[in-house]
Amino acid sequence: MLEGARMALGAKGYPLSVHELIEIMPQFGARVGGEKPAVNLSSVLSKRGCGFQSVKWHGRHAWWFVDKPLPDAIALFEESESQTSQDKLSDSNPKQEDRENAATLNERTDR
């Protein structure tokens, strides 16, 4: 269970709530059982977690690594916004092929 939490947090790159961890951990071969999975996982992470800490992340409780600083939320946001902007730019800028086709059409209509 601990290795599944470690892998999930590492893959996401930012703190996750206990409920997010429970949802994601099966992707890494770990499941949380019992009648109250959230209580079980929190208990394991806090008592035997060796390397996990409960932190406040975006106004809620989440789990993160003890030996890693919290990710810079602004940098994460800017990174995702930058990718979105790049995608929009590539969609709005005509590609070289489109410019060549337009030039060919202009040449034909100018004759």
N, C-alpha and C. Protein backbone atom coordinates (compact mmCIF):
# COMPACT_ATOMS: atom_id res chain seq x y z
N MET A 1 0.82 -1.19 0.00
CA MET A 1 0.00 0.00 0.00
C MET A 1 0.87 1.26 0.00
N LEU A 2 1.94 1.25 0.79
CA LEU A 2 2.81 2.41 0.85
C LEU A 2 3.48 2.67 -0.49
N GLU A 3 3.92 1.61 -1.15
CA GLU A 3 4.57 1.77 -2.44
C GLU A 3 3.59 2.31 -3.48
N GLY A 4 2.34 1.88 -3.42
CA GLY A 4 1.31 2.40 -4.33
C GLY A 4 1.09 3.88 -4.12
N ALA A 5 1.06 4.33 -2.87
CA ALA A 5 0.91 5.76 -2.57
C ALA A 5 2.12 6.53 -3.06
N ARG A 6 3.31 5.98 -2.84
CA ARG A 6 4.55 6.61 -3.30
C ARG A 6 4.53 6.78 -4.83
N MET A 7 4.14 5.75 -5.52
CA MET A 7 4.12 5.79 -6.98
C MET A 7 3.06 6.76 -7.50
N ALA A 8 1.90 6.79 -6.85
CA ALA A 8 0.82 7.69 -7.27
C ALA A 8 1.22 9.15 -7.10
N LEU A 9 1.79 9.47 -5.96
CA LEU A 9 2.23 10.85 -5.71
C LEU A 9 3.34 11.24 -6.67
N GLY A 10 4.26 10.34 -6.90
CA GLY A 10 5.35 10.62 -7.83
C GLY A 10 4.86 10.85 -9.25
N ALA A 11 3.88 10.07 -9.66
CA ALA A 11 3.33 10.20 -11.01
C ALA A 11 2.58 11.50 -11.18
N LYS A 12 1.82 11.89 -10.17
CA LYS A 12 1.04 13.13 -10.27
C LYS A 12 1.91 14.37 -10.08
N GLY A 13 2.87 14.29 -9.18
CA GLY A 13 3.78 15.41 -8.98
C GLY A 13 3.27 16.50 -8.06
N TYR A 14 2.18 16.25 -7.38
CA TYR A 14 1.65 17.20 -6.42
C TYR A 14 0.86 16.44 -5.36
N PRO A 15 0.62 17.07 -4.19
CA PRO A 15 -0.10 16.38 -3.11
C PRO A 15 -1.51 15.94 -3.53
N LEU A 16 -1.90 14.81 -2.99
CA LEU A 16 -3.22 14.24 -3.29
C LEU A 16 -3.98 13.98 -1.99
N SER A 17 -5.29 14.16 -2.06
CA SER A 17 -6.13 13.83 -0.91
C SER A 17 -6.17 12.32 -0.76
N VAL A 18 -6.58 11.86 0.38
CA VAL A 18 -6.67 10.43 0.63
C VAL A 18 -7.63 9.77 -0.37
N HIS A 19 -8.70 10.47 -0.71
CA HIS A 19 -9.67 9.91 -1.66
C HIS A 19 -9.08 9.83 -3.07
N GLU A 20 -8.30 10.82 -3.46
CA GLU A 20 -7.63 10.77 -4.76
C GLU A 20 -6.63 9.63 -4.80
N LEU A 21 -5.90 9.45 -3.71
CA LEU A 21 -4.95 8.34 -3.64
C LEU A 21 -5.65 7.01 -3.79
N ILE A 22 -6.77 6.85 -3.09
CA ILE A 22 -7.52 5.59 -3.17
C ILE A 22 -7.96 5.30 -4.60
N GLU A 23 -8.36 6.34 -5.33
CA GLU A 23 -8.79 6.17 -6.72
C GLU A 23 -7.63 5.84 -7.65
N ILE A 24 -6.47 6.43 -7.41
CA ILE A 24 -5.34 6.31 -8.33
C ILE A 24 -4.46 5.09 -8.04
N MET A 25 -4.36 4.69 -6.79
CA MET A 25 -3.43 3.64 -6.41
C MET A 25 -3.62 2.32 -7.16
N PRO A 26 -4.84 1.92 -7.52
CA PRO A 26 -4.97 0.66 -8.28
C PRO A 26 -4.21 0.66 -9.61
N GLN A 27 -3.98 1.84 -10.18
CA GLN A 27 -3.19 1.92 -11.41
C GLN A 27 -1.76 1.45 -11.17
N PHE A 28 -1.35 1.45 -9.91
CA PHE A 28 0.01 1.06 -9.54
C PHE A 28 0.02 -0.26 -8.76
N GLY A 29 -1.07 -0.99 -8.89
CA GLY A 29 -1.15 -2.32 -8.29
C GLY A 29 -1.43 -2.35 -6.81
N ALA A 30 -1.94 -1.26 -6.24
CA ALA A 30 -2.23 -1.21 -4.81
C ALA A 30 -3.70 -0.90 -4.58
N ARG A 31 -4.28 -1.62 -3.65
CA ARG A 31 -5.68 -1.37 -3.30
C ARG A 31 -5.78 -1.15 -1.79
N VAL A 32 -6.77 -0.34 -1.43
CA VAL A 32 -7.01 -0.08 -0.01
C VAL A 32 -8.33 -0.75 0.34
N GLY A 33 -8.29 -1.63 1.30
CA GLY A 33 -9.49 -2.37 1.66
C GLY A 33 -10.11 -1.89 2.96
N GLY A 34 -11.07 -2.67 3.42
CA GLY A 34 -11.73 -2.39 4.68
C GLY A 34 -13.03 -1.64 4.49
N GLU A 35 -13.77 -1.52 5.60
CA GLU A 35 -15.05 -0.81 5.55
C GLU A 35 -14.85 0.69 5.34
N LYS A 36 -13.74 1.22 5.82
CA LYS A 36 -13.45 2.65 5.71
C LYS A 36 -12.07 2.83 5.09
N PRO A 37 -11.98 2.71 3.75
CA PRO A 37 -10.67 2.79 3.10
C PRO A 37 -9.92 4.09 3.38
N ALA A 38 -10.61 5.20 3.44
CA ALA A 38 -9.94 6.49 3.69
C ALA A 38 -9.29 6.51 5.07
N VAL A 39 -9.98 5.99 6.06
CA VAL A 39 -9.43 5.93 7.42
C VAL A 39 -8.24 4.98 7.45
N ASN A 40 -8.39 3.84 6.77
CA ASN A 40 -7.31 2.86 6.75
C ASN A 40 -6.04 3.44 6.12
N LEU A 41 -6.19 4.07 4.97
CA LEU A 41 -5.02 4.61 4.27
C LEU A 41 -4.39 5.75 5.09
N SER A 42 -5.21 6.63 5.61
CA SER A 42 -4.67 7.73 6.42
C SER A 42 -3.90 7.19 7.62
N SER A 43 -4.44 6.16 8.24
CA SER A 43 -3.79 5.57 9.40
C SER A 43 -2.43 4.98 9.01
N VAL A 44 -2.40 4.26 7.91
CA VAL A 44 -1.14 3.66 7.46
C VAL A 44 -0.12 4.73 7.11
N LEU A 45 -0.55 5.76 6.40
CA LEU A 45 0.39 6.81 5.99
C LEU A 45 0.91 7.61 7.18
N SER A 46 0.07 7.84 8.16
CA SER A 46 0.50 8.66 9.30
C SER A 46 1.30 7.87 10.32
N LYS A 47 0.99 6.61 10.52
CA LYS A 47 1.68 5.83 11.55
C LYS A 47 2.90 5.11 11.02
N ARG A 48 2.75 4.47 9.90
CA ARG A 48 3.85 3.67 9.36
C ARG A 48 4.40 4.30 8.08
N GLY A 49 3.90 5.47 7.76
CA GLY A 49 4.16 6.09 6.47
C GLY A 49 5.60 6.32 6.12
N CYS A 50 6.44 6.47 7.10
CA CYS A 50 7.87 6.65 6.82
C CYS A 50 8.10 7.39 5.51
N GLY A 51 7.93 8.66 5.57
CA GLY A 51 8.21 9.44 4.37
C GLY A 51 7.01 10.22 3.86
N PHE A 52 5.87 10.12 4.52
CA PHE A 52 4.69 10.86 4.10
C PHE A 52 4.30 11.86 5.18
N GLN A 53 3.70 12.95 4.76
CA GLN A 53 3.19 13.93 5.72
C GLN A 53 1.86 14.48 5.22
N SER A 54 1.03 14.83 6.14
CA SER A 54 -0.23 15.48 5.81
C SER A 54 0.06 16.98 5.65
N VAL A 55 -0.41 17.54 4.55
CA VAL A 55 -0.17 18.96 4.25
C VAL A 55 -1.47 19.62 3.82
N LYS A 56 -1.47 20.93 3.87
CA LYS A 56 -2.58 21.71 3.30
C LYS A 56 -2.21 22.02 1.87
N TRP A 57 -3.07 21.68 0.95
CA TRP A 57 -2.81 21.91 -0.47
C TRP A 57 -4.10 22.46 -1.08
N HIS A 58 -4.04 23.68 -1.53
CA HIS A 58 -5.21 24.36 -2.11
C HIS A 58 -6.40 24.33 -1.16
N GLY A 59 -6.11 24.58 0.12
CA GLY A 59 -7.15 24.70 1.12
C GLY A 59 -7.73 23.39 1.62
N ARG A 60 -7.11 22.27 1.29
CA ARG A 60 -7.62 20.98 1.77
C ARG A 60 -6.47 20.12 2.25
N HIS A 61 -6.80 19.08 2.98
CA HIS A 61 -5.78 18.16 3.47
C HIS A 61 -5.35 17.23 2.35
N ALA A 62 -4.06 17.00 2.26
CA ALA A 62 -3.52 16.11 1.24
C ALA A 62 -2.26 15.45 1.79
N TRP A 63 -1.77 14.46 1.07
CA TRP A 63 -0.55 13.75 1.47
C TRP A 63 0.56 14.07 0.50
N TRP A 64 1.79 14.21 1.06
CA TRP A 64 2.96 14.51 0.25
C TRP A 64 4.18 13.89 0.92
N PHE A 65 5.28 13.90 0.23
CA PHE A 65 6.53 13.34 0.73
C PHE A 65 7.15 14.26 1.79
N VAL A 66 7.70 13.66 2.84
CA VAL A 66 8.36 14.43 3.89
C VAL A 66 9.63 15.09 3.35
N ASP A 67 10.36 14.39 2.51
CA ASP A 67 11.67 14.87 2.06
C ASP A 67 11.64 15.70 0.78
N LYS A 68 10.44 16.06 0.31
CA LYS A 68 10.34 16.90 -0.89
C LYS A 68 9.55 18.16 -0.57
N PRO A 69 10.02 19.30 -1.08
CA PRO A 69 9.23 20.52 -0.86
C PRO A 69 7.93 20.44 -1.65
N LEU A 70 6.95 21.17 -1.18
CA LEU A 70 5.69 21.21 -1.93
C LEU A 70 5.96 21.82 -3.30
N PRO A 71 5.34 21.27 -4.33
CA PRO A 71 5.54 21.85 -5.66
C PRO A 71 5.03 23.29 -5.68
N ASP A 72 5.63 24.08 -6.51
CA ASP A 72 5.21 25.47 -6.66
C ASP A 72 3.93 25.48 -7.48
N ALA A 73 2.82 25.77 -6.85
CA ALA A 73 1.52 25.74 -7.52
C ALA A 73 1.48 26.70 -8.69
N ILE A 74 2.14 27.84 -8.56
CA ILE A 74 2.14 28.82 -9.64
C ILE A 74 2.89 28.26 -10.85
N ALA A 75 4.02 27.61 -10.60
CA ALA A 75 4.79 27.03 -11.70
C ALA A 75 4.00 25.93 -12.39
N LEU A 76 3.30 25.09 -11.61
CA LEU A 76 2.47 24.05 -12.20
C LEU A 76 1.38 24.65 -13.07
N PHE A 77 0.74 25.73 -12.58
CA PHE A 77 -0.32 26.39 -13.32
C PHE A 77 0.24 27.00 -14.60
N GLU A 78 1.38 27.71 -14.48
CA GLU A 78 1.97 28.35 -15.65
C GLU A 78 2.39 27.32 -16.69
N GLU A 79 2.88 26.17 -16.23
CA GLU A 79 3.29 25.12 -17.15
C GLU A 79 2.09 24.61 -17.93
N SER A 80 0.98 24.37 -17.26
CA SER A 80 -0.21 23.87 -17.95
C SER A 80 -0.79 24.94 -18.86
N GLU A 81 -0.77 26.21 -18.40
CA GLU A 81 -1.25 27.31 -19.23
C GLU A 81 -0.37 27.50 -20.45
N SER A 82 0.93 27.35 -20.28
CA SER A 82 1.87 27.50 -21.38
C SER A 82 1.59 26.47 -22.46
N GLN A 83 1.35 25.24 -22.05
CA GLN A 83 1.04 24.19 -23.02
C GLN A 83 -0.26 24.48 -23.73
N THR A 84 -1.27 24.96 -23.00
CA THR A 84 -2.55 25.31 -23.60
C THR A 84 -2.37 26.44 -24.61
N SER A 85 -1.57 27.44 -24.25
CA SER A 85 -1.31 28.56 -25.15
C SER A 85 -0.58 28.09 -26.40
N GLN A 86 0.39 27.21 -26.23
CA GLN A 86 1.12 26.68 -27.39
C GLN A 86 0.19 25.92 -28.31
N ASP A 87 -0.72 25.14 -27.73
CA ASP A 87 -1.67 24.40 -28.55
C ASP A 87 -2.56 25.35 -29.33
N LYS A 88 -3.03 26.42 -28.67
CA LYS A 88 -3.88 27.40 -29.34
C LYS A 88 -3.12 28.11 -30.44
N LEU A 89 -1.85 28.46 -30.17
CA LEU A 89 -1.04 29.14 -31.17
C LEU A 89 -0.84 28.26 -32.40
N SER A 90 -0.55 27.00 -32.19
CA SER A 90 -0.31 26.13 -33.33
C SER A 90 -1.60 25.92 -34.12
N ASP A 91 -2.74 25.99 -33.46
CA ASP A 91 -4.02 25.87 -34.16
C ASP A 91 -4.35 27.14 -34.92
N SER A 92 -3.94 28.30 -34.40
CA SER A 92 -4.31 29.57 -35.03
C SER A 92 -3.31 30.02 -36.09
N ASN A 93 -2.07 29.57 -36.00
CA ASN A 93 -1.06 29.95 -37.00
C ASN A 93 -1.16 29.04 -38.20
N PRO A 94 -1.22 29.63 -39.38
CA PRO A 94 -1.27 28.78 -40.56
C PRO A 94 0.02 27.98 -40.69
N LYS A 95 -0.12 26.75 -41.07
CA LYS A 95 1.05 25.91 -41.27
C LYS A 95 1.70 26.28 -42.60
N GLN A 96 2.96 25.91 -42.76
CA GLN A 96 3.70 26.23 -43.98
C GLN A 96 2.95 25.73 -45.21
N GLU A 97 2.42 24.53 -45.13
CA GLU A 97 1.70 23.95 -46.26
C GLU A 97 0.48 24.81 -46.62
N ASP A 98 -0.24 25.30 -45.61
CA ASP A 98 -1.41 26.14 -45.85
C ASP A 98 -0.99 27.46 -46.51
N ARG A 99 0.13 28.03 -46.07
CA ARG A 99 0.61 29.28 -46.67
C ARG A 99 1.00 29.05 -48.12
N GLU A 100 1.64 27.92 -48.43
CA GLU A 100 2.03 27.62 -49.81
C GLU A 100 0.80 27.44 -50.69
N ASN A 101 -0.20 26.76 -50.17
CA ASN A 101 -1.44 26.57 -50.93
C ASN A 101 -2.11 27.91 -51.20
N ALA A 102 -2.12 28.79 -50.22
CA ALA A 102 -2.73 30.11 -50.39
C ALA A 102 -1.96 30.91 -51.44
N ALA A 103 -0.63 30.82 -51.40
CA ALA A 103 0.19 31.54 -52.38
C ALA A 103 -0.07 31.02 -53.78
N THR A 104 -0.21 29.72 -53.93
CA THR A 104 -0.49 29.13 -55.24
C THR A 104 -1.84 29.62 -55.76
N LEU A 105 -2.84 29.65 -54.89
CA LEU A 105 -4.17 30.13 -55.29
C LEU A 105 -4.10 31.59 -55.71
N ASN A 106 -3.36 32.39 -54.95
CA ASN A 106 -3.22 33.81 -55.31
C ASN A 106 -2.56 33.99 -56.66
N GLU A 107 -1.54 33.18 -56.95
CA GLU A 107 -0.86 33.25 -58.23
C GLU A 107 -1.83 32.93 -59.37
N ARG A 108 -2.65 31.94 -59.18
CA ARG A 108 -3.61 31.53 -60.22
C ARG A 108 -4.65 32.61 -60.47
N THR A 109 -5.10 33.27 -59.40
CA THR A 109 -6.14 34.29 -59.57
C THR A 109 -5.55 35.59 -60.10
N ASP A 110 -4.25 35.80 -59.93
CA ASP A 110 -3.61 37.02 -60.43
C ASP A 110 -3.38 36.95 -61.93
N ARG A 111 -3.40 35.78 -62.50
CA ARG A 111 -3.11 35.64 -63.92
C ARG A 111 -4.27 36.04 -64.79
